[in-house]
Every structure is written in structure tokens, then in C-alpha cells.
């Protein structure tokens, strides 16, 4: 188990989908500013995940990597259960892993529907199911932050699958927050709008930003800053909230 300079065990935070984009920014932000061990997760971008870990270590933080597919329930349970057995339960979890496969609904294939739901919404269950009871047994405060999307709040044409999954995450997060409140484990949901990442690189940003009063896309670091706060002890009285980082998107 990772320890700080005084020999005390570090709190651990898992960030799923953190080899790139918003997840990577979150992992770096937490790793460079918090007295924690950040566990960087990927499904196949191992080199990128290891590079993220190395950047955290170079800045004085602690980091390690886990590889599994959040849409694969058995694999996720196996990897996470083994990790907890070796390294201890998590203080915090950031559920960020997600994919898109866009098409207008009449042209959307069943495969596109199923894989987006399985990763974005199924991952909520597949990741948290092995982690919740160990978190409870710690008998200490804990933090869960889920990353939804403006699409989950407002709907987005060509993204019925993605919007459905992200809306489901909001509902699941609110329900879980009620269940875990007595255990001092908070659950909050962050809904980014148009954020500059690989996922948004091909979007018609000039047109989309007409609905953003601040007139620009956000940065992954701006999302990470909010997540960092929600992971901190300072946010202990905030739970069951859906917080947008979207420049006033309407």
C-alpha cells in the first residue's frame, strides 16, 4: 500500500477512463494537489495511462495503473476485487469512462445503442458494485463523483444512446447518494458542456458555442478543479447534487 513520508497509508482514488481527456486532467489534478494515491484506469491505452502515472510521480504524487473494460462486469469485478485485496479499499471514485457512437435515431444500430449504454451506464454498476461495501467497511468518509454530460440533462440530436446513458447516470447518482449518506459517503454528479478534448475535436464548435453565454469551450482542467473540490474534505456537506461546467449552456 502506498504511504506518505510519515509512513501513513494514503487515501486512494480511482479515476476511470483517465488515460486521456477529462479523465486524465482529473487524475493529474488530484495527483498533484491531494495527499492521495491516484489509480489511473484504462481499457487499452496502457502507454498513455502509464505516462499519466509518471507525470503524477514526477510532481511528487503517488499513482498506479489498472486495466479493465468497464462494460465487462466479470472483468471489472475480478480486477477491482484483487486490487482491493492487495491495496485496500478506496476513499474515492471518479466515474469518468465513456464512449460515443453517434447517429440520428432512425439510423442508429442496435450495436451502437448497446455498447454506449453498456460502457457509460453499465460501467456505473460494474465499477461501483465491487467497491461500495469495502468503502462502507472503512467506516470513514468517502467520495464518489460521476461524470455525466449536458447531453444527459438536455438531450442532444444524434446522441439518443449517449443522452440516455448520461441521464441514467444522473438518476443513479441521486439514488446512490441517498443510500450512502448515513455512511458519510457523498455522491455528486458533474455535467460538462463543450470541453476541449479529443472527443469534441470534430464538432462544429463555432456553431455550438452560439448557445454558450461565456462564448468559449471549457478546458478539462476546469472540470478537474471542480472534481478535486468534490473529492476534498471541504465538500463534506455536498451530496446528491448535479453541477454543470458548461459556460451557461442553454
Protein backbone atom coordinates (compact mmCIF):
# COMPACT_ATOMS: atom_id res chain seq x y z
CA UNK A 1 0.00 0.00 0.00
CA UNK A 2 1.23 3.49 -0.82
CA UNK A 3 2.33 5.61 2.15
CA UNK A 4 3.28 9.23 2.66
CA UNK A 5 6.59 10.49 4.03
CA UNK A 6 5.35 9.95 7.60
CA UNK A 7 4.61 6.30 6.87
CA UNK A 8 0.83 6.69 6.95
CA UNK A 9 -1.31 4.91 4.40
CA UNK A 10 -2.53 7.21 1.66
CA UNK A 11 -6.17 7.52 0.75
CA UNK A 12 -6.83 6.04 -2.69
CA UNK A 13 -8.89 7.49 -5.53
CA UNK A 14 -9.78 5.58 -8.69
CA UNK A 15 -10.40 7.64 -11.83
CA UNK A 16 -11.88 5.55 -14.64
CA UNK A 17 -11.09 6.45 -18.22
CA UNK A 18 -8.10 8.54 -17.18
CA UNK A 19 -5.56 7.84 -19.89
CA UNK A 20 -6.71 10.91 -21.85
CA UNK A 21 -9.13 13.83 -21.98
CA UNK A 22 -11.14 14.92 -18.96
CA UNK A 23 -10.22 11.80 -17.02
CA UNK A 24 -6.51 12.41 -17.45
CA UNK A 25 -6.91 16.03 -16.34
CA UNK A 26 -8.78 14.84 -13.25
CA UNK A 27 -6.13 12.24 -12.39
CA UNK A 28 -3.34 14.80 -12.77
CA UNK A 29 -5.18 17.45 -10.77
CA UNK A 30 -5.85 15.04 -7.90
CA UNK A 31 -2.39 13.50 -8.01
CA UNK A 32 -0.57 16.82 -7.98
CA UNK A 33 -2.64 18.51 -5.28
CA UNK A 34 -4.00 15.83 -2.92
CA UNK A 35 -2.44 13.59 -0.30
CA UNK A 36 -3.71 10.53 -2.10
CA UNK A 37 -2.70 7.71 -4.38
CA UNK A 38 -4.44 8.13 -7.72
CA UNK A 39 -5.26 4.94 -9.58
CA UNK A 40 -5.27 5.68 -13.31
CA UNK A 41 -7.55 3.40 -15.30
CA UNK A 42 -7.58 2.45 -18.96
CA UNK A 43 -9.06 -0.26 -21.13
CA UNK A 44 -6.37 -0.44 -23.84
CA UNK A 45 -4.28 2.78 -23.82
CA UNK A 46 -1.72 1.38 -21.39
CA UNK A 47 1.16 3.58 -22.55
CA UNK A 48 -0.93 6.72 -22.11
CA UNK A 49 -2.07 5.60 -18.66
CA UNK A 50 1.50 4.86 -17.59
CA UNK A 51 2.58 8.28 -18.89
CA UNK A 52 -0.13 9.90 -16.75
CA UNK A 53 1.10 7.96 -13.70
CA UNK A 54 4.67 9.01 -14.40
CA UNK A 55 3.67 12.67 -14.63
CA UNK A 56 1.94 12.41 -11.26
CA UNK A 57 5.00 10.76 -9.70
CA UNK A 58 7.33 13.36 -11.20
CA UNK A 59 5.30 16.08 -9.49
CA UNK A 60 5.66 14.34 -6.11
CA UNK A 61 2.41 12.38 -6.10
CA UNK A 62 1.61 8.69 -5.91
CA UNK A 63 -0.01 6.81 -8.80
CA UNK A 64 -0.62 3.33 -10.14
CA UNK A 65 -2.49 1.87 -13.12
CA UNK A 66 -5.38 -0.55 -13.53
CA UNK A 67 -6.54 -2.00 -16.85
CA UNK A 68 -10.02 -3.40 -17.44
CA UNK A 69 -13.13 -2.84 -19.54
CA UNK A 70 -15.84 -1.06 -17.53
CA UNK A 71 -18.51 -2.63 -19.76
CA UNK A 72 -17.31 -6.14 -18.83
CA UNK A 73 -18.89 -6.89 -15.45
CA UNK A 74 -16.89 -10.03 -14.69
CA UNK A 75 -13.57 -8.49 -15.67
CA UNK A 76 -14.20 -5.31 -13.70
CA UNK A 77 -15.17 -7.28 -10.60
CA UNK A 78 -12.14 -9.55 -10.87
CA UNK A 79 -9.61 -6.74 -11.30
CA UNK A 80 -11.11 -4.43 -8.68
CA UNK A 81 -11.59 -7.17 -6.09
CA UNK A 82 -7.95 -8.24 -6.49
CA UNK A 83 -6.80 -4.62 -6.28
CA UNK A 84 -8.70 -4.03 -3.03
CA UNK A 85 -7.34 -7.26 -1.56
CA UNK A 86 -3.78 -6.10 -2.28
CA UNK A 87 -4.04 -2.36 -1.65
CA UNK A 88 -7.10 -1.65 0.46
CA UNK A 89 -10.47 -0.03 -0.13
CA UNK A 90 -10.94 3.26 -1.92
CA UNK A 91 -11.64 6.61 -0.32
CA UNK A 92 -12.94 7.98 -3.60
CA UNK A 93 -14.07 7.02 -7.08
CA UNK A 94 -14.46 9.21 -10.15
CA UNK A 95 -16.60 7.51 -12.78
CA UNK A 96 -15.44 9.14 -15.97
CA UNK A 97 -15.03 6.34 -18.55
CA UNK A 98 -17.33 6.80 -21.53
CA UNK A 99 -17.70 6.49 -25.28
CA UNK A 100 -19.86 7.91 -28.05
CA UNK A 101 -21.22 6.33 -31.23
CA UNK A 102 -23.43 8.98 -32.78
CA UNK A 103 -26.18 8.67 -35.38
CA UNK A 104 -29.68 10.01 -35.81
CA UNK A 105 -32.03 7.56 -34.16
CA UNK A 106 -33.59 6.00 -37.31
CA UNK A 107 -30.07 5.16 -38.50
CA UNK A 108 -28.68 4.08 -35.13
CA UNK A 109 -27.76 0.40 -34.99
CA UNK A 110 -28.53 -1.84 -32.06
CA UNK A 111 -24.81 -2.39 -31.64
CA UNK A 112 -24.22 1.36 -31.27
CA UNK A 113 -27.04 1.63 -28.74
CA UNK A 114 -25.90 -1.34 -26.67
CA UNK A 115 -22.20 -0.52 -26.47
CA UNK A 116 -22.77 3.12 -25.45
CA UNK A 117 -25.27 2.09 -22.77
CA UNK A 118 -23.03 -0.77 -21.59
CA UNK A 119 -19.98 1.46 -21.18
CA UNK A 120 -21.45 4.74 -19.98
CA UNK A 121 -24.30 3.46 -17.81
CA UNK A 122 -23.38 -0.18 -17.29
CA UNK A 123 -19.99 0.99 -16.08
CA UNK A 124 -21.72 2.72 -13.15
CA UNK A 125 -22.83 -0.64 -11.80
CA UNK A 126 -19.83 -2.67 -12.94
CA UNK A 127 -17.28 -0.39 -11.26
CA UNK A 128 -19.14 0.60 -8.12
CA UNK A 129 -20.62 -2.79 -7.27
CA UNK A 130 -17.28 -4.31 -6.16
CA UNK A 131 -16.20 -1.07 -4.45
CA UNK A 132 -19.15 0.09 -2.35
CA UNK A 133 -19.09 -2.45 0.51
CA UNK A 134 -15.32 -2.10 1.03
CA UNK A 135 -15.82 1.68 1.13
CA UNK A 136 -18.57 1.27 3.73
CA UNK A 137 -16.46 -1.10 5.84
CA UNK A 138 -13.75 1.57 6.13
CA UNK A 139 -16.14 3.42 8.45
CA UNK A 140 -14.68 6.68 7.21
CA UNK A 141 -15.95 9.45 4.93
CA UNK A 142 -15.78 8.73 1.21
CA UNK A 143 -16.40 10.45 -2.09
CA UNK A 144 -17.98 9.35 -5.36
CA UNK A 145 -18.15 11.71 -8.34
CA UNK A 146 -19.83 10.65 -11.55
CA UNK A 147 -19.22 12.41 -14.84
CA UNK A 148 -22.42 12.81 -16.83
CA UNK A 149 -22.90 15.39 -19.61
CA UNK A 150 -25.01 18.29 -20.73
CA UNK A 151 -26.44 15.74 -23.19
CA UNK A 152 -27.84 13.84 -20.22
CA UNK A 153 -29.63 16.93 -18.95
CA UNK A 154 -30.80 18.49 -22.22
CA UNK A 155 -30.69 15.74 -24.83
CA UNK A 156 -28.66 16.11 -27.99
CA UNK A 157 -29.66 15.26 -31.57
CA UNK A 158 -27.76 12.29 -32.92
CA UNK A 159 -26.95 11.10 -29.40
CA UNK A 160 -30.04 9.30 -28.16
CA UNK A 161 -27.88 6.48 -26.83
CA UNK A 162 -25.36 8.80 -25.15
CA UNK A 163 -28.06 11.10 -23.77
CA UNK A 164 -29.97 8.13 -22.36
CA UNK A 165 -26.87 6.72 -20.67
CA UNK A 166 -25.79 10.07 -19.23
CA UNK A 167 -29.32 10.83 -17.97
CA UNK A 168 -29.31 7.41 -16.33
CA UNK A 169 -26.08 8.26 -14.53
CA UNK A 170 -27.73 11.34 -13.04
CA UNK A 171 -30.65 9.32 -11.69
CA UNK A 172 -28.43 6.52 -10.39
CA UNK A 173 -26.13 9.02 -8.68
CA UNK A 174 -29.02 10.72 -6.90
CA UNK A 175 -30.38 7.37 -5.66
CA UNK A 176 -26.95 6.18 -4.50
CA UNK A 177 -26.37 9.45 -2.66
CA UNK A 178 -29.47 8.79 -0.55
CA UNK A 179 -28.36 5.24 0.21
CA UNK A 180 -24.83 6.21 1.28
CA UNK A 181 -25.47 9.47 3.13
CA UNK A 182 -25.68 7.81 6.54
CA UNK A 183 -22.23 6.31 5.87
CA UNK A 184 -20.73 9.76 5.24
CA UNK A 185 -20.03 8.83 1.62
CA UNK A 186 -21.11 11.63 -0.68
CA UNK A 187 -22.20 11.13 -4.29
CA UNK A 188 -22.29 14.02 -6.73
CA UNK A 189 -22.59 14.31 -10.49
CA UNK A 190 -20.68 16.71 -12.76
CA UNK A 191 -22.13 17.55 -16.17
CA UNK A 192 -19.58 19.08 -18.56
CA UNK A 193 -20.73 21.02 -21.59
CA UNK A 194 -18.46 21.64 -24.56
CA UNK A 195 -14.98 20.83 -23.29
CA UNK A 196 -11.88 20.86 -25.49
CA UNK A 197 -10.84 17.20 -25.72
CA UNK A 198 -10.26 14.59 -28.41
CA UNK A 199 -13.96 13.68 -28.16
CA UNK A 200 -15.06 17.18 -29.20
CA UNK A 201 -12.30 17.87 -31.74
CA UNK A 202 -14.52 17.19 -34.75
CA UNK A 203 -17.60 19.06 -33.54
CA UNK A 204 -18.74 22.29 -35.28
CA UNK A 205 -17.65 24.30 -32.27
CA UNK A 206 -18.29 27.76 -33.72
CA UNK A 207 -21.93 26.87 -34.28
CA UNK A 208 -22.34 25.10 -30.94
CA UNK A 209 -20.84 27.95 -28.95
CA UNK A 210 -23.69 30.22 -30.04
CA UNK A 211 -25.62 28.66 -27.16
CA UNK A 212 -22.84 29.29 -24.62
CA UNK A 213 -23.09 32.72 -22.97
CA UNK A 214 -19.42 32.71 -22.00
CA UNK A 215 -18.61 32.27 -25.68
CA UNK A 216 -15.94 29.60 -25.44
CA UNK A 217 -15.38 25.91 -24.84
CA UNK A 218 -14.24 24.86 -21.40
CA UNK A 219 -10.98 23.17 -20.51
CA UNK A 220 -10.55 19.73 -19.00
CA UNK A 221 -8.72 21.39 -16.12
CA UNK A 222 -11.81 23.44 -15.26
CA UNK A 223 -13.78 20.22 -14.86
CA UNK A 224 -10.92 18.66 -12.89
CA UNK A 225 -10.84 21.59 -10.48
CA UNK A 226 -14.47 21.01 -9.52
CA UNK A 227 -13.94 17.27 -9.14
CA UNK A 228 -10.93 17.95 -6.92
CA UNK A 229 -13.12 20.06 -4.63
CA UNK A 230 -15.87 17.43 -4.52
CA UNK A 231 -13.23 14.85 -3.53
CA UNK A 232 -11.94 17.01 -0.69
CA UNK A 233 -12.95 17.14 2.98
CA UNK A 234 -14.25 20.67 2.34
CA UNK A 235 -17.18 19.25 0.35
CA UNK A 236 -18.49 17.03 3.17
CA UNK A 237 -21.93 18.72 3.23
CA UNK A 238 -22.46 18.49 -0.53
CA UNK A 239 -24.18 15.37 -1.83
CA UNK A 240 -26.86 14.36 -4.39
CA UNK A 241 -26.04 17.42 -6.49
CA UNK A 242 -25.74 17.77 -10.26
CA UNK A 243 -23.24 20.52 -11.04
CA UNK A 244 -22.75 21.83 -14.55
CA UNK A 245 -19.47 23.06 -16.02
CA UNK A 246 -20.83 24.46 -19.26
CA UNK A 247 -20.36 28.22 -19.56
CA UNK A 248 -24.10 28.81 -19.07
CA UNK A 249 -25.13 26.48 -21.94
CA UNK A 250 -28.79 26.71 -22.91
